[in-house]
PDB file of N, CA and C in Angstrom:
ATOM      1  N   MET A   1    -187.210-186.894-121.382  1.00  0.00           N
ATOM      2  CA  MET A   1    -187.670-185.726-122.103  1.00  0.00           C
ATOM      3  C   MET A   1    -186.496-184.756-122.219  1.00  0.00           C
ATOM      4  N   PRO A   2    -186.156-184.314-123.404  1.00  0.00           N
ATOM      5  CA  PRO A   2    -185.037-183.390-123.570  1.00  0.00           C
ATOM      6  C   PRO A   2    -185.299-182.062-122.873  1.00  0.00           C
ATOM      7  N   ALA A   3    -184.229-181.445-122.379  1.00  0.00           N
ATOM      8  CA  ALA A   3    -184.355-180.190-121.646  1.00  0.00           C
ATOM      9  C   ALA A   3    -184.855-179.061-122.526  1.00  0.00           C
ATOM     10  N   HIS A   4    -184.602-179.135-123.835  1.00  0.00           N
ATOM     11  CA  HIS A   4    -184.983-178.047-124.724  1.00  0.00           C
ATOM     12  C   HIS A   4    -186.379-178.217-125.315  1.00  0.00           C
ATOM     13  N   GLU A   5    -187.092-179.274-124.957  1.00  0.00           N
ATOM     14  CA  GLU A   5    -188.414-179.528-125.523  1.00  0.00           C
ATOM     15  C   GLU A   5    -189.405-178.459-125.069  1.00  0.00           C
ATOM     16  N   HIS A   6    -190.227-177.994-126.005  1.00  0.00           N
ATOM     17  CA  HIS A   6    -191.222-176.954-125.717  1.00  0.00           C
ATOM     18  C   HIS A   6    -192.504-177.615-125.217  1.00  0.00           C
ATOM     19  N   HIS A   7    -193.091-177.095-124.141  1.00  0.00           N
ATOM     20  CA  HIS A   7    -194.286-177.679-123.539  1.00  0.00           C
ATOM     21  C   HIS A   7    -195.570-176.963-123.949  1.00  0.00           C
ATOM     22  N   GLY A   8    -195.508-176.050-124.914  1.00  0.00           N
ATOM     23  CA  GLY A   8    -196.721-175.398-125.381  1.00  0.00           C
ATOM     24  C   GLY A   8    -197.110-174.156-124.603  1.00  0.00           C
ATOM     25  N   HIS A   9    -196.296-173.732-123.662  1.00  0.00           N
ATOM     26  CA  HIS A   9    -196.592-172.497-122.929  1.00  0.00           C
ATOM     27  C   HIS A   9    -195.297-171.751-122.676  1.00  0.00           C
ATOM     28  N   ASP A  10    -195.426-170.446-122.610  1.00  0.00           N
ATOM     29  CA  ASP A  10    -194.254-169.619-122.347  1.00  0.00           C
ATOM     30  C   ASP A  10    -194.041-169.506-120.849  1.00  0.00           C
ATOM     31  N   ALA A  11    -192.844-169.110-120.470  1.00  0.00           N
ATOM     32  CA  ALA A  11    -192.556-168.876-119.055  1.00  0.00           C
ATOM     33  C   ALA A  11    -193.442-167.728-118.570  1.00  0.00           C
ATOM     34  N   PRO A  12    -193.957-167.809-117.350  1.00  0.00           N
ATOM     35  CA  PRO A  12    -194.828-166.740-116.860  1.00  0.00           C
ATOM     36  C   PRO A  12    -194.069-165.423-116.765  1.00  0.00           C
ATOM     37  N   ALA A  13    -194.758-164.344-117.085  1.00  0.00           N
ATOM     38  CA  ALA A  13    -194.155-163.020-116.966  1.00  0.00           C
ATOM     39  C   ALA A  13    -193.980-162.688-115.495  1.00  0.00           C
ATOM     40  N   ARG A  14    -192.974-161.896-115.206  1.00  0.00           N
ATOM     41  CA  ARG A  14    -192.729-161.498-113.826  1.00  0.00           C
ATOM     42  C   ARG A  14    -193.831-160.547-113.372  1.00  0.00           C
ATOM     43  N   MET A  15    -194.365-160.773-112.170  1.00  0.00           N
ATOM     44  CA  MET A  15    -195.460-159.969-111.650  1.00  0.00           C
ATOM     45  C   MET A  15    -194.932-158.631-111.139  1.00  0.00           C
ATOM     46  N   SER A  16    -195.635-157.541-111.466  1.00  0.00           N
ATOM     47  CA  SER A  16    -195.215-156.222-110.988  1.00  0.00           C
ATOM     48  C   SER A  16    -195.398-156.147-109.472  1.00  0.00           C
ATOM     49  N   SER A  17    -194.662-155.242-108.847  1.00  0.00           N
ATOM     50  CA  SER A  17    -194.759-155.111-107.391  1.00  0.00           C
ATOM     51  C   SER A  17    -196.160-154.696-106.965  1.00  0.00           C
ATOM     52  N   SER A  18    -196.832-153.849-107.748  1.00  0.00           N
ATOM     53  CA  SER A  18    -198.183-153.429-107.372  1.00  0.00           C
ATOM     54  C   SER A  18    -199.167-154.594-107.469  1.00  0.00           C
ATOM     55  N   ARG A  19    -199.012-155.446-108.467  1.00  0.00           N
ATOM     56  CA  ARG A  19    -199.899-156.616-108.575  1.00  0.00           C
ATOM     57  C   ARG A  19    -199.605-157.634-107.471  1.00  0.00           C
ATOM     58  N   LEU A  20    -198.338-157.765-107.104  1.00  0.00           N
ATOM     59  CA  LEU A  20    -197.976-158.676-106.023  1.00  0.00           C
ATOM     60  C   LEU A  20    -198.565-158.198-104.696  1.00  0.00           C
ATOM     61  N   LEU A  21    -198.489-156.887-104.427  1.00  0.00           N
ATOM     62  CA  LEU A  21    -199.089-156.342-103.204  1.00  0.00           C
ATOM     63  C   LEU A  21    -200.600-156.542-103.201  1.00  0.00           C
ATOM     64  N   LYS A  22    -201.238-156.407-104.355  1.00  0.00           N
ATOM     65  CA  LYS A  22    -202.680-156.637-104.464  1.00  0.00           C
ATOM     66  C   LYS A  22    -202.992-158.097-104.149  1.00  0.00           C
ATOM     67  N   ARG A  23    -202.192-158.992-104.685  1.00  0.00           N
ATOM     68  CA  ARG A  23    -202.434-160.424-104.503  1.00  0.00           C
ATOM     69  C   ARG A  23    -202.218-160.865-103.056  1.00  0.00           C
ATOM     70  N   VAL A  24    -201.159-160.367-102.427  1.00  0.00           N
ATOM     71  CA  VAL A  24    -200.799-160.824-101.088  1.00  0.00           C
ATOM     72  C   VAL A  24    -201.548-160.070 -99.988  1.00  0.00           C
ATOM     73  N   PHE A  25    -201.615-158.736-100.101  1.00  0.00           N
ATOM     74  CA  PHE A  25    -202.177-157.924 -99.021  1.00  0.00           C
ATOM     75  C   PHE A  25    -203.497-157.254 -99.382  1.00  0.00           C
ATOM     76  N   ASP A  26    -204.025-157.501-100.572  1.00  0.00           N
ATOM     77  CA  ASP A  26    -205.250-156.871-101.069  1.00  0.00           C
ATOM     78  C   ASP A  26    -205.129-155.346-101.071  1.00  0.00           C
ATOM     79  N   LEU A  27    -203.937-154.844-101.458  1.00  0.00           N
ATOM     80  CA  LEU A  27    -203.699-153.409-101.607  1.00  0.00           C
ATOM     81  C   LEU A  27    -203.701-153.088-103.094  1.00  0.00           C
ATOM     82  N   ASP A  28    -204.588-152.212-103.510  1.00  0.00           N
ATOM     83  CA  ASP A  28    -204.656-151.843-104.920  1.00  0.00           C
ATOM     84  C   ASP A  28    -203.870-150.566-105.149  1.00  0.00           C
ATOM     85  N   LEU A  29    -202.670-150.694-105.694  1.00  0.00           N
ATOM     86  CA  LEU A  29    -201.821-149.548-105.971  1.00  0.00           C
ATOM     87  C   LEU A  29    -201.867-149.159-107.441  1.00  0.00           C
ATOM     88  N   GLU A  30    -202.820-149.701-108.178  1.00  0.00           N
ATOM     89  CA  GLU A  30    -202.938-149.381-109.596  1.00  0.00           C
ATOM     90  C   GLU A  30    -204.100-148.444-109.894  1.00  0.00           C
ATOM     91  N   HIS A  31    -205.032-148.297-108.940  1.00  0.00           N
ATOM     92  CA  HIS A  31    -206.214-147.466-109.168  1.00  0.00           C
ATOM     93  C   HIS A  31    -206.435-146.528-107.990  1.00  0.00           C
ATOM     94  N   CYS A  32    -206.874-145.310-108.293  1.00  0.00           N
ATOM     95  CA  CYS A  32    -207.169-144.319-107.264  1.00  0.00           C
ATOM     96  C   CYS A  32    -208.414-144.758-106.495  1.00  0.00           C
ATOM     97  N   PRO A  33    -208.360-144.815-105.158  1.00  0.00           N
ATOM     98  CA  PRO A  33    -209.524-145.261-104.391  1.00  0.00           C
ATOM     99  C   PRO A  33    -210.682-144.265-104.438  1.00  0.00           C
ATOM    100  N   GLN A  34    -210.431-143.015-104.800  1.00  0.00           N
ATOM    101  CA  GLN A  34    -211.498-142.012-104.842  1.00  0.00           C
ATOM    102  C   GLN A  34    -212.082-141.844-106.240  1.00  0.00           C
ATOM    103  N   ARG A  35    -211.254-141.904-107.256  1.00  0.00           N
ATOM    104  CA  ARG A  35    -211.725-141.654-108.624  1.00  0.00           C
ATOM    105  C   ARG A  35    -211.639-142.902-109.514  1.00  0.00           C
ATOM    106  N   TRP A  36    -211.004-143.936-109.054  1.00  0.00           N
ATOM    107  CA  TRP A  36    -210.808-145.200-109.768  1.00  0.00           C
ATOM    108  C   TRP A  36    -210.074-145.023-111.093  1.00  0.00           C
ATOM    109  N   GLY A  37    -209.297-143.945-111.197  1.00  0.00           N
ATOM    110  CA  GLY A  37    -208.438-143.786-112.365  1.00  0.00           C
ATOM    111  C   GLY A  37    -207.146-144.551-112.156  1.00  0.00           C
ATOM    112  N   GLU A  38    -206.391-144.713-113.223  1.00  0.00           N
ATOM    113  CA  GLU A  38    -205.120-145.416-113.117  1.00  0.00           C
ATOM    114  C   GLU A  38    -204.083-144.551-112.425  1.00  0.00           C
ATOM    115  N   LEU A  39    -203.293-145.154-111.549  1.00  0.00           N
ATOM    116  CA  LEU A  39    -202.212-144.457-110.863  1.00  0.00           C
ATOM    117  C   LEU A  39    -200.894-144.746-111.572  1.00  0.00           C
ATOM    118  N   SER A  40    -199.964-143.832-111.442  1.00  0.00           N
ATOM    119  CA  SER A  40    -198.621-144.067-111.969  1.00  0.00           C
ATOM    120  C   SER A  40    -197.610-143.472-110.996  1.00  0.00           C
ATOM    121  N   VAL A  41    -196.431-144.039-110.982  1.00  0.00           N
ATOM    122  CA  VAL A  41    -195.365-143.554-110.111  1.00  0.00           C
ATOM    123  C   VAL A  41    -194.831-142.255-110.703  1.00  0.00           C
ATOM    124  N   ILE A  42    -194.793-141.206-109.880  1.00  0.00           N
ATOM    125  CA  ILE A  42    -194.264-139.933-110.366  1.00  0.00           C
ATOM    126  C   ILE A  42    -192.910-139.616-109.741  1.00  0.00           C
ATOM    127  N   ALA A  43    -192.555-140.318-108.662  1.00  0.00           N
ATOM    128  CA  ALA A  43    -191.264-140.088-108.016  1.00  0.00           C
ATOM    129  C   ALA A  43    -190.920-141.276-107.131  1.00  0.00           C
ATOM    130  N   ALA A  44    -189.633-141.494-106.964  1.00  0.00           N
ATOM    131  CA  ALA A  44    -189.128-142.488-106.022  1.00  0.00           C
ATOM    132  C   ALA A  44    -188.129-141.764-105.129  1.00  0.00           C
ATOM    133  N   ILE A  45    -188.460-141.657-103.863  1.00  0.00           N
ATOM    134  CA  ILE A  45    -187.599-140.929-102.929  1.00  0.00           C
ATOM    135  C   ILE A  45    -186.655-141.931-102.288  1.00  0.00           C
ATOM    136  N   GLU A  46    -185.368-141.763-102.535  1.00  0.00           N
ATOM    137  CA  GLU A  46    -184.370-142.700-102.037  1.00  0.00           C
ATOM    138  C   GLU A  46    -183.335-142.054-101.131  1.00  0.00           C
ATOM    139  N   ALA A  47    -183.249-140.738-101.126  1.00  0.00           N
ATOM    140  CA  ALA A  47    -182.248-140.043-100.314  1.00  0.00           C
ATOM    141  C   ALA A  47    -182.668-140.075 -98.846  1.00  0.00           C
ATOM    142  N   PRO A  48    -181.859-140.678 -97.967  1.00  0.00           N
ATOM    143  CA  PRO A  48    -182.226-140.789 -96.557  1.00  0.00           C
ATOM    144  C   PRO A  48    -182.571-139.446 -95.908  1.00  0.00           C
ATOM    145  N   ALA A  49    -181.846-138.393 -96.230  1.00  0.00           N
ATOM    146  CA  ALA A  49    -182.118-137.084 -95.622  1.00  0.00           C
ATOM    147  C   ALA A  49    -183.505-136.573 -96.005  1.00  0.00           C
ATOM    148  N   VAL A  50    -183.913-136.801 -97.239  1.00  0.00           N
ATOM    149  CA  VAL A  50    -185.235-136.363 -97.697  1.00  0.00           C
ATOM    150  C   VAL A  50    -186.323-137.199 -97.025  1.00  0.00           C
ATOM    151  N   ILE A  51    -186.102-138.489 -96.907  1.00  0.00           N
ATOM    152  CA  ILE A  51    -187.071-139.378 -96.253  1.00  0.00           C
ATOM    153  C   ILE A  51    -187.257-138.967 -94.799  1.00  0.00           C
ATOM    154  N   ILE A  52    -186.161-138.697 -94.103  1.00  0.00           N
ATOM    155  CA  ILE A  52    -186.229-138.268 -92.699  1.00  0.00           C
ATOM    156  C   ILE A  52    -186.983-136.951 -92.590  1.00  0.00           C
ATOM    157  N   SER A  53    -186.729-136.039 -93.497  1.00  0.00           N
ATOM    158  CA  SER A  53    -187.411-134.745 -93.488  1.00  0.00           C
ATOM    159  C   SER A  53    -188.919-134.908 -93.669  1.00  0.00           C
ATOM    160  N   ILE A  54    -189.323-135.752 -94.596  1.00  0.00           N
ATOM    161  CA  ILE A  54    -190.752-135.973 -94.849  1.00  0.00           C
ATOM    162  C   ILE A  54    -191.410-136.641 -93.646  1.00  0.00           C
ATOM    163  N   LEU A  55    -190.792-137.689 -93.114  1.00  0.00           N
ATOM    164  CA  LEU A  55    -191.369-138.387 -91.958  1.00  0.00           C
ATOM    165  C   LEU A  55    -191.482-137.462 -90.752  1.00  0.00           C
ATOM    166  N   THR A  56    -190.468-136.646 -90.519  1.00  0.00           N
ATOM    167  CA  THR A  56    -190.489-135.700 -89.404  1.00  0.00           C
ATOM    168  C   THR A  56    -191.616-134.690 -89.589  1.00  0.00           C
ATOM    169  N   HIS A  57    -191.768-134.165 -90.787  1.00  0.00           N
ATOM    170  CA  HIS A  57    -192.832-133.203 -91.079  1.00  0.00           C
ATOM    171  C   HIS A  57    -194.214-133.814 -90.830  1.00  0.00           C
ATOM    172  N   LEU A  58    -194.368-135.097 -91.147  1.00  0.00           N
ATOM    173  CA  LEU A  58    -195.654-135.777 -90.958  1.00  0.00           C
ATOM    174  C   LEU A  58    -195.856-136.270 -89.529  1.00  0.00           C
ATOM    175  N   GLY A  59    -194.850-136.088 -88.671  1.00  0.00           N
ATOM    176  CA  GLY A  59    -194.956-136.542 -87.289  1.00  0.00           C
ATOM    177  C   GLY A  59    -194.849-138.048 -87.144  1.00  0.00           C
ATOM    178  N   LEU A  60    -194.194-138.692 -88.090  1.00  0.00           N
ATOM    179  CA  LEU A  60    -194.032-140.144 -88.054  1.00  0.00           C
ATOM    180  C   LEU A  60    -192.643-140.495 -87.541  1.00  0.00           C
ATOM    181  N   PRO A  61    -192.488-141.686 -86.941  1.00  0.00           N
ATOM    182  CA  PRO A  61    -191.174-142.069 -86.416  1.00  0.00           C
ATOM    183  C   PRO A  61    -190.146-142.214 -87.539  1.00  0.00           C
ATOM    184  N   VAL A  62    -188.931-141.804 -87.228  1.00  0.00           N
ATOM    185  CA  VAL A  62    -187.834-141.879 -88.190  1.00  0.00           C
ATOM    186  C   VAL A  62    -187.060-143.183 -88.010  1.00  0.00           C
ATOM    187  N   ARG A  63    -186.972-143.656 -86.785  1.00  0.00           N
ATOM    188  CA  ARG A  63    -186.226-144.885 -86.490  1.00  0.00           C
ATOM    189  C   ARG A  63    -187.192-146.044 -86.240  1.00  0.00           C
ATOM    190  N   LEU A  64    -186.712-147.240 -86.535  1.00  0.00           N
ATOM    191  CA  LEU A  64    -187.500-148.433 -86.257  1.00  0.00           C
ATOM    192  C   LEU A  64    -187.574-148.661 -84.756  1.00  0.00           C
ATOM    193  N   PRO A  65    -188.664-149.249 -84.254  1.00  0.00           N
ATOM    194  CA  PRO A  65    -188.712-149.562 -82.828  1.00  0.00           C
ATOM    195  C   PRO A  65    -187.698-150.655 -82.506  1.00  0.00           C
ATOM    196  N   PRO A  66    -187.234-150.711 -81.250  1.00  0.00           N
ATOM    197  CA  PRO A  66    -186.263-151.754 -80.897  1.00  0.00           C
ATOM    198  C   PRO A  66    -186.888-153.144 -81.029  1.00  0.00           C
ATOM    199  N   ARG A  67    -186.060-154.098 -81.404  1.00  0.00           N
ATOM    200  CA  ARG A  67    -186.543-155.475 -81.546  1.00  0.00           C
ATOM    201  C   ARG A  67    -186.603-156.142 -80.187  1.00  0.00           C
ATOM    202  N   SER A  68    -187.628-156.920 -79.971  1.00  0.00           N
ATOM    203  CA  SER A  68    -187.749-157.690 -78.736  1.00  0.00           C
ATOM    204  C   SER A  68    -186.865-158.922 -78.840  1.00  0.00           C
ATOM    205  N   PRO A  69    -186.358-159.400 -77.696  1.00  0.00           N
ATOM    206  CA  PRO A  69    -185.563-160.629 -77.759  1.00  0.00           C
ATOM    207  C   PRO A  69    -186.446-161.817 -78.161  1.00  0.00           C
ATOM    208  N   ALA A  70    -185.835-162.785 -78.783  1.00  0.00           N
ATOM    209  CA  ALA A  70    -186.570-163.977 -79.200  1.00  0.00           C
ATOM    210  C   ALA A  70    -187.081-164.729 -77.981  1.00  0.00           C
ATOM    211  N   ARG A  71    -188.269-165.303 -78.115  1.00  0.00           N
ATOM    212  CA  ARG A  71    -188.836-166.109 -77.030  1.00  0.00           C
ATOM    213  C   ARG A  71    -188.451-167.569 -77.235  1.00  0.00           C
ATOM    214  N   PRO A  72    -188.307-168.317 -76.146  1.00  0.00           N
ATOM    215  CA  PRO A  72    -187.971-169.736 -76.311  1.00  0.00           C
ATOM    216  C   PRO A  72    -189.163-170.496 -76.893  1.00  0.00           C
ATOM    217  N   PRO A  73    -188.896-171.623 -77.549  1.00  0.00           N
ATOM    218  CA  PRO A  73    -189.997-172.438 -78.061  1.00  0.00           C
ATOM    219  C   PRO A  73    -190.922-172.866 -76.921  1.00  0.00           C
ATOM    220  N   VAL A  74    -192.168-173.123 -77.241  1.00  0.00           N
ATOM    221  CA  VAL A  74    -193.177-173.494 -76.243  1.00  0.00           C
ATOM    222  C   VAL A  74    -192.726-174.707 -75.432  1.00  0.00           C
ATOM    223  N   GLN A  75    -192.061-175.657 -76.068  1.00  0.00           N
ATOM    224  CA  GLN A  75    -191.654-176.886 -75.387  1.00  0.00           C
ATOM    225  C   GLN A  75    -190.644-176.618 -74.273  1.00  0.00           C
ATOM    226  N   LEU A  76    -189.902-175.518 -74.339  1.00  0.00           N
ATOM    227  CA  LEU A  76    -188.862-175.251 -73.350  1.00  0.00           C
ATOM    228  C   LEU A  76    -189.310-174.314 -72.234  1.00  0.00           C
ATOM    229  N   ARG A  77    -190.505-173.779 -72.307  1.00  0.00           N
ATOM    230  CA  ARG A  77    -190.977-172.862 -71.276  1.00  0.00           C
ATOM    231  C   ARG A  77    -191.316-173.623 -70.002  1.00  0.00           C
ATOM    232  N   ALA A  78    -191.023-172.990 -68.861  1.00  0.00           N
ATOM    233  CA  ALA A  78    -191.340-173.615 -67.573  1.00  0.00           C
ATOM    234  C   ALA A  78    -192.847-173.609 -67.361  1.00  0.00           C
ATOM    235  N   ALA A  79    -193.359-174.658 -66.757  1.00  0.00           N
ATOM    236  CA  ALA A  79    -194.805-174.768 -66.525  1.00  0.00           C
ATOM    237  C   ALA A  79    -195.236-173.997 -65.311  1.00  0.00           C
TER     238      ALA A  79
END
């Protein structure tokens, strides 16, 4: 079959991040949970200083918790 042959369907469109989150985690970021109206992005906060300021104001942690060391596979654990 030639590489350029058409199979009768177009390539699937790329899924938006909000639809992907809905599909994977059942999070609906397209509709308001209280009014069921459509939501839209009004801002994207990317400046680290602003993010830290907002998290601090909300009383949320600014740094990630420390990572735990990896555990050995079950087969290698002492009985």
